[in-house]
């Protein structure tokens, strides 16, 4: 261990810090696909990972404040629930995009068919 912190915690601290810096740069440069909602979501997620990496007892504190007791597993379970909710939301968005693409392709093909007649 280096200064009382394990190698894995150092890796998490460095990686989450790099991800935060990268997201801030992308947002400030206004790259394509960067919205305030996407920025805030990724910033919060990597920020929480960074905080828990630096202060592991913070996870127990949050778990206790949320009424889940002193068990860290409940906090991890809550993370899985949020992850699955996000996955289902993404799937819903993908289905909507597929429907829109289908409608656009139909319109274009009908216009092309009308021009050929």
C-alpha atoms as a PDB file:
ATOM      1  CA  UNK A   1       0.000   0.000   0.000  1.00  0.00           C
ATOM      2  CA  UNK A   2       1.143   3.511  -0.787  1.00  0.00           C
ATOM      3  CA  UNK A   3       0.442   5.959   2.040  1.00  0.00           C
ATOM      4  CA  UNK A   4      -2.302   3.708   3.427  1.00  0.00           C
ATOM      5  CA  UNK A   5      -4.233   3.509   0.155  1.00  0.00           C
ATOM      6  CA  UNK A   6      -4.348   0.300  -1.869  1.00  0.00           C
ATOM      7  CA  UNK A   7      -3.280   0.142  -5.498  1.00  0.00           C
ATOM      8  CA  UNK A   8      -6.864  -0.432  -6.613  1.00  0.00           C
ATOM      9  CA  UNK A   9      -8.013   2.730  -4.845  1.00  0.00           C
ATOM     10  CA  UNK A  10      -5.197   4.687  -6.524  1.00  0.00           C
ATOM     11  CA  UNK A  11      -6.278   3.321  -9.897  1.00  0.00           C
ATOM     12  CA  UNK A  12      -9.886   4.366  -9.218  1.00  0.00           C
ATOM     13  CA  UNK A  13      -8.817   7.814  -8.035  1.00  0.00           C
ATOM     14  CA  UNK A  14      -6.632   8.421 -11.084  1.00  0.00           C
ATOM     15  CA  UNK A  15      -9.122   6.976 -13.581  1.00  0.00           C
ATOM     16  CA  UNK A  16     -12.142   8.840 -12.197  1.00  0.00           C
ATOM     17  CA  UNK A  17     -10.140  12.085 -12.065  1.00  0.00           C
ATOM     18  CA  UNK A  18      -9.102  11.637 -15.700  1.00  0.00           C
ATOM     19  CA  UNK A  19     -12.720  10.915 -16.708  1.00  0.00           C
ATOM     20  CA  UNK A  20     -13.918  14.061 -14.921  1.00  0.00           C
ATOM     21  CA  UNK A  21     -11.253  16.190 -16.611  1.00  0.00           C
ATOM     22  CA  UNK A  22     -12.052  14.652 -20.014  1.00  0.00           C
ATOM     23  CA  UNK A  23     -15.794  15.285 -19.624  1.00  0.00           C
ATOM     24  CA  UNK A  24     -15.229  18.860 -18.522  1.00  0.00           C
ATOM     25  CA  UNK A  25     -12.985  19.451 -21.563  1.00  0.00           C
ATOM     26  CA  UNK A  26     -15.559  17.922 -23.929  1.00  0.00           C
ATOM     27  CA  UNK A  27     -18.320  20.050 -22.468  1.00  0.00           C
ATOM     28  CA  UNK A  28     -16.298  23.275 -22.537  1.00  0.00           C
ATOM     29  CA  UNK A  29     -15.239  22.633 -26.147  1.00  0.00           C
ATOM     30  CA  UNK A  30     -18.928  22.018 -26.963  1.00  0.00           C
ATOM     31  CA  UNK A  31     -18.204  18.824 -28.860  1.00  0.00           C
ATOM     32  CA  UNK A  32     -21.006  17.172 -30.799  1.00  0.00           C
ATOM     33  CA  UNK A  33     -23.451  15.254 -28.605  1.00  0.00           C
ATOM     34  CA  UNK A  34     -22.544  17.026 -25.383  1.00  0.00           C
ATOM     35  CA  UNK A  35     -25.631  18.230 -23.548  1.00  0.00           C
ATOM     36  CA  UNK A  36     -25.890  19.667 -20.060  1.00  0.00           C
ATOM     37  CA  UNK A  37     -27.857  16.601 -18.938  1.00  0.00           C
ATOM     38  CA  UNK A  38     -25.229  14.187 -20.254  1.00  0.00           C
ATOM     39  CA  UNK A  39     -22.478  16.287 -18.683  1.00  0.00           C
ATOM     40  CA  UNK A  40     -24.181  16.413 -15.283  1.00  0.00           C
ATOM     41  CA  UNK A  41     -24.964  12.681 -15.293  1.00  0.00           C
ATOM     42  CA  UNK A  42     -21.405  11.631 -16.083  1.00  0.00           C
ATOM     43  CA  UNK A  43     -19.978  14.254 -13.730  1.00  0.00           C
ATOM     44  CA  UNK A  44     -22.129  13.025 -10.837  1.00  0.00           C
ATOM     45  CA  UNK A  45     -21.312   9.350 -11.491  1.00  0.00           C
ATOM     46  CA  UNK A  46     -17.539   9.844 -11.757  1.00  0.00           C
ATOM     47  CA  UNK A  47     -17.626  12.347  -8.891  1.00  0.00           C
ATOM     48  CA  UNK A  48     -19.274   9.800  -6.612  1.00  0.00           C
ATOM     49  CA  UNK A  49     -16.735   7.167  -7.656  1.00  0.00           C
ATOM     50  CA  UNK A  50     -13.914   9.604  -6.892  1.00  0.00           C
ATOM     51  CA  UNK A  51     -15.337  10.558  -3.491  1.00  0.00           C
ATOM     52  CA  UNK A  52     -15.921   6.942  -2.466  1.00  0.00           C
ATOM     53  CA  UNK A  53     -12.411   6.033  -3.679  1.00  0.00           C
ATOM     54  CA  UNK A  54     -10.838   8.743  -1.544  1.00  0.00           C
ATOM     55  CA  UNK A  55     -13.195   8.386   1.440  1.00  0.00           C
ATOM     56  CA  UNK A  56     -14.514   4.791   1.562  1.00  0.00           C
ATOM     57  CA  UNK A  57     -16.365   5.470   4.832  1.00  0.00           C
ATOM     58  CA  UNK A  58     -18.515   7.977   2.931  1.00  0.00           C
ATOM     59  CA  UNK A  59     -20.408   5.061   1.344  1.00  0.00           C
ATOM     60  CA  UNK A  60     -21.349   3.774   4.799  1.00  0.00           C
ATOM     61  CA  UNK A  61     -22.369   7.287   5.832  1.00  0.00           C
ATOM     62  CA  UNK A  62     -24.659   7.686   2.792  1.00  0.00           C
ATOM     63  CA  UNK A  63     -26.053   4.186   3.296  1.00  0.00           C
ATOM     64  CA  UNK A  64     -26.945   5.030   6.887  1.00  0.00           C
ATOM     65  CA  UNK A  65     -28.481   8.408   5.947  1.00  0.00           C
ATOM     66  CA  UNK A  66     -30.680   6.741   3.324  1.00  0.00           C
ATOM     67  CA  UNK A  67     -32.014   4.406   6.002  1.00  0.00           C
ATOM     68  CA  UNK A  68     -30.348   1.310   4.605  1.00  0.00           C
ATOM     69  CA  UNK A  69     -28.319   0.613   7.734  1.00  0.00           C
ATOM     70  CA  UNK A  70     -24.593   0.169   7.923  1.00  0.00           C
ATOM     71  CA  UNK A  71     -24.493  -2.462   5.191  1.00  0.00           C
ATOM     72  CA  UNK A  72     -22.562  -1.405   2.096  1.00  0.00           C
ATOM     73  CA  UNK A  73     -24.253  -4.139   0.051  1.00  0.00           C
ATOM     74  CA  UNK A  74     -27.526  -2.224   0.099  1.00  0.00           C
ATOM     75  CA  UNK A  75     -25.794   0.778  -1.425  1.00  0.00           C
ATOM     76  CA  UNK A  76     -24.337  -1.456  -4.143  1.00  0.00           C
ATOM     77  CA  UNK A  77     -27.821  -2.901  -4.739  1.00  0.00           C
ATOM     78  CA  UNK A  78     -29.174   0.625  -5.126  1.00  0.00           C
ATOM     79  CA  UNK A  79     -26.476   1.246  -7.738  1.00  0.00           C
ATOM     80  CA  UNK A  80     -27.605  -1.823  -9.671  1.00  0.00           C
ATOM     81  CA  UNK A  81     -31.221  -0.655  -9.561  1.00  0.00           C
ATOM     82  CA  UNK A  82     -30.248   2.747 -10.967  1.00  0.00           C
ATOM     83  CA  UNK A  83     -28.119   1.047 -13.634  1.00  0.00           C
ATOM     84  CA  UNK A  84     -30.994  -1.158 -14.773  1.00  0.00           C
ATOM     85  CA  UNK A  85     -33.325   1.832 -14.869  1.00  0.00           C
ATOM     86  CA  UNK A  86     -30.843   3.618 -17.133  1.00  0.00           C
ATOM     87  CA  UNK A  87     -30.528   0.558 -19.375  1.00  0.00           C
ATOM     88  CA  UNK A  88     -34.300   0.365 -19.820  1.00  0.00           C
ATOM     89  CA  UNK A  89     -34.437   4.095 -20.571  1.00  0.00           C
ATOM     90  CA  UNK A  90     -31.718   3.675 -23.214  1.00  0.00           C
ATOM     91  CA  UNK A  91     -33.576   0.754 -24.777  1.00  0.00           C
ATOM     92  CA  UNK A  92     -36.731   2.866 -24.948  1.00  0.00           C
ATOM     93  CA  UNK A  93     -34.819   5.663 -26.670  1.00  0.00           C
ATOM     94  CA  UNK A  94     -33.330   3.201 -29.166  1.00  0.00           C
ATOM     95  CA  UNK A  95     -36.792   1.829 -29.999  1.00  0.00           C
ATOM     96  CA  UNK A  96     -38.083   5.371 -30.622  1.00  0.00           C
ATOM     97  CA  UNK A  97     -35.134   6.107 -32.906  1.00  0.00           C
ATOM     98  CA  UNK A  98     -35.757   2.882 -34.850  1.00  0.00           C
ATOM     99  CA  UNK A  99     -39.405   3.835 -35.333  1.00  0.00           C
ATOM    100  CA  UNK A 100     -38.444   7.301 -36.579  1.00  0.00           C
ATOM    101  CA  UNK A 101     -35.897   5.860 -39.010  1.00  0.00           C
ATOM    102  CA  UNK A 102     -38.527   3.449 -40.353  1.00  0.00           C
ATOM    103  CA  UNK A 103     -40.987   6.306 -40.886  1.00  0.00           C
ATOM    104  CA  UNK A 104     -38.370   8.424 -42.675  1.00  0.00           C
ATOM    105  CA  UNK A 105     -37.331   5.552 -44.944  1.00  0.00           C
ATOM    106  CA  UNK A 106     -40.990   4.887 -45.829  1.00  0.00           C
ATOM    107  CA  UNK A 107     -41.562   8.548 -46.692  1.00  0.00           C
ATOM    108  CA  UNK A 108     -38.441   8.690 -48.856  1.00  0.00           C
ATOM    109  CA  UNK A 109     -39.304   5.479 -50.687  1.00  0.00           C
ATOM    110  CA  UNK A 110     -42.889   6.682 -51.319  1.00  0.00           C
ATOM    111  CA  UNK A 111     -41.543   9.959 -52.733  1.00  0.00           C
ATOM    112  CA  UNK A 112     -39.056   8.069 -54.944  1.00  0.00           C
ATOM    113  CA  UNK A 113     -41.853   5.750 -56.160  1.00  0.00           C
ATOM    114  CA  UNK A 114     -44.065   8.752 -56.949  1.00  0.00           C
ATOM    115  CA  UNK A 115     -41.259  10.413 -58.937  1.00  0.00           C
ATOM    116  CA  UNK A 116     -40.725   7.264 -61.051  1.00  0.00           C
ATOM    117  CA  UNK A 117     -44.390   7.174 -62.106  1.00  0.00           C
END
